[in-house]
Amino acid sequence: MKTLILGGVRSGKSRLAESLAKQSDLPVCYIATATAGDDEMRQRIEDHRTRRPVEWTVVEDASRISPACTQRVDKLFVRVIRHSIVVVSSVV
């Protein structure tokens, strides 16, 4: 099953995605693409880092999203892509 979560800024998208990923009992690849442009965003990024389980694979680099999405394609796993609008706008 694939799930796309959409919503406004600070609407709980990440928490919902993280909750679904934890419930899946599958390996998780968390792709975080946000950049810290100001103190508020730096704090939000840090908050996200502290609540991620240590066993998750984390990629914090928008330029590596393609390799991160295709790794381990032979196995089932969950991919959580944070701040994907940044990635889409950089490609379009």
N, C-alpha and C. Protein backbone atom coordinates (compact mmCIF):
# COMPACT_ATOMS: atom_id res chain seq x y z
N MET A 1 0.84 -1.17 0.00
CA MET A 1 0.00 0.00 0.00
C MET A 1 0.90 1.25 0.00
N LYS A 2 0.52 2.24 -0.79
CA LYS A 2 1.22 3.51 -0.80
C LYS A 2 0.30 4.57 -0.23
N THR A 3 0.86 5.44 0.58
CA THR A 3 0.08 6.49 1.22
C THR A 3 0.74 7.83 0.96
N LEU A 4 -0.04 8.79 0.47
CA LEU A 4 0.43 10.15 0.27
C LEU A 4 -0.28 11.02 1.28
N ILE A 5 0.49 11.74 2.08
CA ILE A 5 -0.08 12.60 3.11
C ILE A 5 0.15 14.04 2.70
N LEU A 6 -0.93 14.78 2.56
CA LEU A 6 -0.86 16.18 2.18
C LEU A 6 -1.47 17.03 3.29
N GLY A 7 -1.02 18.27 3.38
CA GLY A 7 -1.60 19.18 4.36
C GLY A 7 -0.80 20.46 4.43
N GLY A 8 -1.31 21.40 5.15
CA GLY A 8 -0.67 22.70 5.30
C GLY A 8 0.55 22.64 6.21
N VAL A 9 1.22 23.76 6.29
CA VAL A 9 2.40 23.90 7.15
C VAL A 9 2.00 23.62 8.59
N ARG A 10 2.79 22.80 9.27
CA ARG A 10 2.60 22.47 10.67
C ARG A 10 1.23 21.84 10.97
N SER A 11 0.75 21.03 10.02
CA SER A 11 -0.57 20.41 10.19
C SER A 11 -0.49 18.99 10.74
N GLY A 12 0.73 18.49 11.00
CA GLY A 12 0.88 17.15 11.56
C GLY A 12 1.21 16.07 10.54
N LYS A 13 1.57 16.47 9.32
CA LYS A 13 1.91 15.48 8.28
C LYS A 13 3.05 14.57 8.70
N SER A 14 4.11 15.17 9.22
CA SER A 14 5.28 14.36 9.61
C SER A 14 4.95 13.41 10.74
N ARG A 15 4.26 13.89 11.75
CA ARG A 15 3.90 13.01 12.87
C ARG A 15 3.04 11.84 12.41
N LEU A 16 2.09 12.11 11.51
CA LEU A 16 1.25 11.04 10.99
C LEU A 16 2.08 10.04 10.19
N ALA A 17 2.94 10.54 9.30
CA ALA A 17 3.79 9.65 8.50
C ALA A 17 4.71 8.83 9.39
N GLU A 18 5.29 9.47 10.39
CA GLU A 18 6.19 8.76 11.30
C GLU A 18 5.42 7.70 12.08
N SER A 19 4.22 8.01 12.50
CA SER A 19 3.40 7.06 13.24
C SER A 19 3.06 5.85 12.37
N LEU A 20 2.66 6.10 11.13
CA LEU A 20 2.36 4.99 10.21
C LEU A 20 3.60 4.15 9.94
N ALA A 21 4.75 4.80 9.80
CA ALA A 21 6.00 4.07 9.55
C ALA A 21 6.34 3.18 10.75
N LYS A 22 6.19 3.70 11.95
CA LYS A 22 6.47 2.91 13.16
C LYS A 22 5.54 1.71 13.25
N GLN A 23 4.27 1.91 12.92
CA GLN A 23 3.26 0.84 13.02
C GLN A 23 3.47 -0.25 11.98
N SER A 24 4.18 0.07 10.90
CA SER A 24 4.32 -0.88 9.79
C SER A 24 5.23 -2.07 10.13
N ASP A 25 6.13 -1.89 11.09
CA ASP A 25 7.12 -2.93 11.43
C ASP A 25 8.03 -3.27 10.25
N LEU A 26 8.15 -2.37 9.28
CA LEU A 26 9.07 -2.53 8.15
C LEU A 26 10.28 -1.64 8.38
N PRO A 27 11.40 -1.95 7.73
CA PRO A 27 12.53 -1.02 7.80
C PRO A 27 12.11 0.34 7.23
N VAL A 28 12.62 1.41 7.80
CA VAL A 28 12.23 2.75 7.39
C VAL A 28 13.43 3.51 6.84
N CYS A 29 13.22 4.15 5.70
CA CYS A 29 14.20 5.08 5.14
C CYS A 29 13.55 6.46 5.19
N TYR A 30 14.05 7.32 6.05
CA TYR A 30 13.49 8.65 6.27
C TYR A 30 14.33 9.65 5.49
N ILE A 31 13.72 10.31 4.53
CA ILE A 31 14.44 11.25 3.68
C ILE A 31 14.01 12.66 4.05
N ALA A 32 14.90 13.39 4.70
CA ALA A 32 14.60 14.73 5.19
C ALA A 32 15.28 15.74 4.26
N THR A 33 14.48 16.56 3.59
CA THR A 33 15.03 17.47 2.58
C THR A 33 14.96 18.94 2.98
N ALA A 34 14.43 19.22 4.14
CA ALA A 34 14.31 20.62 4.57
C ALA A 34 15.69 21.22 4.86
N THR A 35 15.80 22.51 4.66
CA THR A 35 17.03 23.22 5.01
C THR A 35 16.69 24.27 6.06
N ALA A 36 17.66 24.53 6.92
CA ALA A 36 17.45 25.46 8.03
C ALA A 36 17.80 26.88 7.60
N GLY A 37 16.80 27.61 7.17
CA GLY A 37 17.02 28.98 6.73
C GLY A 37 16.96 30.00 7.84
N ASP A 38 16.39 29.59 8.98
CA ASP A 38 16.29 30.51 10.12
C ASP A 38 16.26 29.70 11.42
N ASP A 39 16.24 30.39 12.54
CA ASP A 39 16.27 29.70 13.84
C ASP A 39 15.05 28.82 14.07
N GLU A 40 13.88 29.28 13.64
CA GLU A 40 12.67 28.48 13.82
C GLU A 40 12.77 27.16 13.05
N MET A 41 13.25 27.22 11.84
CA MET A 41 13.38 25.99 11.04
C MET A 41 14.47 25.09 11.62
N ARG A 42 15.55 25.68 12.11
CA ARG A 42 16.59 24.86 12.76
C ARG A 42 16.01 24.09 13.93
N GLN A 43 15.16 24.75 14.70
CA GLN A 43 14.53 24.09 15.86
C GLN A 43 13.57 22.99 15.41
N ARG A 44 12.80 23.25 14.36
CA ARG A 44 11.87 22.24 13.85
C ARG A 44 12.63 21.01 13.35
N ILE A 45 13.74 21.24 12.65
CA ILE A 45 14.56 20.12 12.16
C ILE A 45 15.11 19.32 13.34
N GLU A 46 15.59 20.01 14.36
CA GLU A 46 16.12 19.33 15.54
C GLU A 46 15.03 18.52 16.25
N ASP A 47 13.82 19.09 16.34
CA ASP A 47 12.69 18.36 16.94
C ASP A 47 12.41 17.07 16.18
N HIS A 48 12.45 17.14 14.86
CA HIS A 48 12.22 15.95 14.04
C HIS A 48 13.33 14.92 14.27
N ARG A 49 14.56 15.38 14.36
CA ARG A 49 15.68 14.45 14.58
C ARG A 49 15.52 13.70 15.89
N THR A 50 15.13 14.40 16.94
CA THR A 50 15.07 13.77 18.26
C THR A 50 13.94 12.76 18.38
N ARG A 51 12.91 12.85 17.57
CA ARG A 51 11.82 11.88 17.72
C ARG A 51 11.93 10.70 16.76
N ARG A 52 12.92 10.68 15.88
CA ARG A 52 13.10 9.54 14.97
C ARG A 52 13.79 8.39 15.69
N PRO A 53 13.29 7.17 15.53
CA PRO A 53 13.97 6.02 16.12
C PRO A 53 15.38 5.85 15.53
N VAL A 54 16.31 5.43 16.34
CA VAL A 54 17.71 5.31 15.91
C VAL A 54 17.89 4.22 14.85
N GLU A 55 16.99 3.25 14.78
CA GLU A 55 17.15 2.17 13.82
C GLU A 55 16.71 2.56 12.40
N TRP A 56 16.10 3.71 12.24
CA TRP A 56 15.71 4.16 10.90
C TRP A 56 16.93 4.63 10.12
N THR A 57 16.95 4.34 8.83
CA THR A 57 17.95 4.92 7.94
C THR A 57 17.49 6.34 7.64
N VAL A 58 18.38 7.31 7.83
CA VAL A 58 18.01 8.71 7.61
C VAL A 58 18.94 9.32 6.58
N VAL A 59 18.36 9.99 5.60
CA VAL A 59 19.10 10.73 4.58
C VAL A 59 18.67 12.18 4.72
N GLU A 60 19.59 13.05 5.10
CA GLU A 60 19.28 14.47 5.25
C GLU A 60 19.99 15.27 4.16
N ASP A 61 19.54 15.05 2.93
CA ASP A 61 20.19 15.69 1.79
C ASP A 61 19.26 15.61 0.59
N ALA A 62 18.72 16.73 0.17
CA ALA A 62 17.78 16.75 -0.96
C ALA A 62 18.41 16.26 -2.25
N SER A 63 19.71 16.45 -2.41
CA SER A 63 20.36 16.04 -3.65
C SER A 63 20.50 14.53 -3.76
N ARG A 64 20.29 13.80 -2.66
CA ARG A 64 20.42 12.34 -2.67
C ARG A 64 19.07 11.64 -2.64
N ILE A 65 17.99 12.36 -2.93
CA ILE A 65 16.67 11.74 -2.81
C ILE A 65 16.48 10.59 -3.78
N SER A 66 16.95 10.70 -5.00
CA SER A 66 16.76 9.63 -5.97
C SER A 66 17.47 8.35 -5.54
N PRO A 67 18.78 8.40 -5.21
CA PRO A 67 19.42 7.15 -4.74
C PRO A 67 18.78 6.61 -3.47
N ALA A 68 18.37 7.49 -2.58
CA ALA A 68 17.76 7.04 -1.32
C ALA A 68 16.44 6.33 -1.58
N CYS A 69 15.69 6.81 -2.55
CA CYS A 69 14.39 6.19 -2.85
C CYS A 69 14.53 4.85 -3.53
N THR A 70 15.62 4.64 -4.23
CA THR A 70 15.77 3.39 -4.97
C THR A 70 16.59 2.34 -4.25
N GLN A 71 17.21 2.69 -3.13
CA GLN A 71 18.01 1.69 -2.42
C GLN A 71 17.10 0.61 -1.85
N ARG A 72 17.60 -0.57 -1.77
CA ARG A 72 16.88 -1.71 -1.21
C ARG A 72 15.55 -1.97 -1.90
N VAL A 73 15.47 -1.77 -3.22
CA VAL A 73 14.21 -1.98 -3.92
C VAL A 73 13.78 -3.43 -3.92
N ASP A 74 14.68 -4.33 -3.59
CA ASP A 74 14.33 -5.74 -3.55
C ASP A 74 13.61 -6.13 -2.26
N LYS A 75 13.53 -5.20 -1.30
CA LYS A 75 12.87 -5.50 -0.02
C LYS A 75 11.77 -4.47 0.24
N LEU A 76 10.80 -4.89 0.99
CA LEU A 76 9.76 -3.95 1.39
C LEU A 76 10.29 -3.05 2.49
N PHE A 77 10.06 -1.77 2.34
CA PHE A 77 10.40 -0.85 3.41
C PHE A 77 9.60 0.43 3.24
N VAL A 78 9.58 1.22 4.27
CA VAL A 78 8.80 2.45 4.29
C VAL A 78 9.73 3.62 3.99
N ARG A 79 9.28 4.51 3.12
CA ARG A 79 10.03 5.73 2.84
C ARG A 79 9.20 6.92 3.30
N VAL A 80 9.76 7.71 4.16
CA VAL A 80 9.11 8.95 4.61
C VAL A 80 9.94 10.09 4.03
N ILE A 81 9.31 10.91 3.20
CA ILE A 81 10.02 12.03 2.60
C ILE A 81 9.47 13.32 3.20
N ARG A 82 10.31 13.98 3.96
CA ARG A 82 9.93 15.22 4.62
C ARG A 82 10.22 16.39 3.72
N HIS A 83 9.33 17.35 3.70
CA HIS A 83 9.51 18.60 2.98
C HIS A 83 9.66 18.35 1.48
N SER A 84 8.83 17.46 0.95
CA SER A 84 8.95 17.06 -0.45
C SER A 84 8.64 18.18 -1.43
N ILE A 85 7.92 19.21 -1.02
CA ILE A 85 7.64 20.32 -1.92
C ILE A 85 8.93 20.98 -2.37
N VAL A 86 9.92 21.00 -1.50
CA VAL A 86 11.24 21.56 -1.87
C VAL A 86 11.84 20.74 -2.99
N VAL A 87 11.73 19.43 -2.87
CA VAL A 87 12.30 18.54 -3.89
C VAL A 87 11.56 18.71 -5.21
N VAL A 88 10.25 18.76 -5.19
CA VAL A 88 9.47 18.90 -6.41
C VAL A 88 9.78 20.23 -7.08
N SER A 89 9.81 21.30 -6.32
CA SER A 89 10.07 22.61 -6.92
C SER A 89 11.48 22.74 -7.46
N SER A 90 12.42 21.99 -6.92
CA SER A 90 13.79 22.07 -7.44
C SER A 90 13.96 21.28 -8.74
N VAL A 91 13.04 20.35 -9.00
CA VAL A 91 13.10 19.55 -10.21
C VAL A 91 12.32 20.19 -11.35
N VAL A 92 11.22 20.86 -11.01
CA VAL A 92 10.33 21.44 -12.03
C VAL A 92 10.90 22.70 -12.62
